[in-house]
Amino acid sequence: MKRSILENVVWKEGKYYVAQCLHVDISSFGESKEEALKNLDEALNLYLEDEQHEDIQNVENPEIVRISVKYA
């Protein structure tokens, strides 16, 4: 069994917290940060047990960067 440390980001959206993994396109939510991260952990474990994931992206020192965009 392989073990990886995955970087995640958490933010508040309305009354819920959203937790998203930066290595794979998996996210979850909860009423607290702790619940959102617990739910993300469960979702990641389910996702990774079903597939062969030899190519999980290594993300080192992620940085939040704001970009201004114009849209209609």
Protein backbone atom coordinates (compact mmCIF):
# COMPACT_ATOMS: atom_id res chain seq x y z
CA MET A 1 0.00 0.00 0.00
CA LYS A 2 1.37 3.41 -1.01
CA ARG A 3 1.13 6.49 1.17
CA SER A 4 1.18 10.09 -0.07
CA ILE A 5 0.90 13.48 1.58
CA LEU A 6 -1.66 15.51 -0.36
CA GLU A 7 -2.01 19.30 -0.22
CA ASN A 8 -5.55 20.61 0.18
CA VAL A 9 -7.26 23.98 0.30
CA VAL A 10 -10.28 24.88 2.45
CA TRP A 11 -12.57 27.91 2.17
CA LYS A 12 -15.97 29.02 3.39
CA GLU A 13 -18.73 29.18 0.79
CA GLY A 14 -22.03 30.37 2.23
CA LYS A 15 -22.74 28.36 5.36
CA TYR A 16 -20.46 25.45 4.36
CA TYR A 17 -16.72 24.87 4.17
CA VAL A 18 -15.33 23.38 0.95
CA ALA A 19 -12.16 21.26 0.94
CA GLN A 20 -10.41 20.51 -2.36
CA CYS A 21 -7.37 18.39 -3.07
CA LEU A 22 -4.72 20.07 -5.24
CA HIS A 23 -3.32 16.78 -6.55
CA VAL A 24 -6.49 15.17 -7.92
CA ASP A 25 -9.85 16.69 -8.87
CA ILE A 26 -11.68 15.69 -5.68
CA SER A 27 -13.52 17.98 -3.27
CA SER A 28 -16.04 17.73 -0.45
CA PHE A 29 -17.80 19.99 2.05
CA GLY A 30 -19.02 20.22 5.63
CA GLU A 31 -20.43 22.57 8.24
CA SER A 32 -16.93 23.07 9.73
CA LYS A 33 -13.37 22.94 8.40
CA GLU A 34 -12.81 19.71 10.31
CA GLU A 35 -15.92 18.09 8.83
CA ALA A 36 -15.02 19.23 5.31
CA LEU A 37 -11.51 17.76 5.66
CA LYS A 38 -12.85 14.52 7.16
CA ASN A 39 -15.28 14.20 4.23
CA LEU A 40 -12.48 14.97 1.76
CA ASP A 41 -10.30 12.29 3.36
CA GLU A 42 -13.11 9.76 2.94
CA ALA A 43 -13.71 10.81 -0.69
CA LEU A 44 -9.98 10.56 -1.49
CA ASN A 45 -9.72 7.10 0.06
CA LEU A 46 -12.71 5.88 -1.97
CA TYR A 47 -11.31 7.42 -5.16
CA LEU A 48 -7.82 6.02 -4.69
CA GLU A 49 -8.92 2.50 -3.75
CA ASP A 50 -10.76 2.04 -7.06
CA GLU A 51 -8.04 3.15 -9.47
CA GLN A 52 -4.36 2.73 -10.21
CA HIS A 53 -2.92 6.18 -9.52
CA GLU A 54 0.77 6.06 -10.29
CA ASP A 55 0.77 9.64 -11.59
CA ILE A 56 -0.50 11.74 -8.67
CA GLN A 57 0.85 15.23 -9.27
CA ASN A 58 3.42 16.46 -6.78
CA VAL A 59 2.46 19.97 -5.62
CA GLU A 60 5.10 21.71 -3.54
CA ASN A 61 4.57 25.03 -1.75
CA PRO A 62 1.23 25.97 -3.32
CA GLU A 63 0.45 29.69 -3.31
CA ILE A 64 -2.92 31.42 -3.57
CA VAL A 65 -2.71 33.99 -6.40
CA ARG A 66 -5.57 36.32 -7.31
CA ILE A 67 -6.20 37.10 -10.96
CA SER A 68 -8.65 39.73 -12.17
CA VAL A 69 -10.78 38.63 -15.13
CA LYS A 70 -13.48 40.38 -17.17
CA TYR A 71 -16.52 38.43 -18.25
CA ALA A 72 -20.00 39.10 -19.64
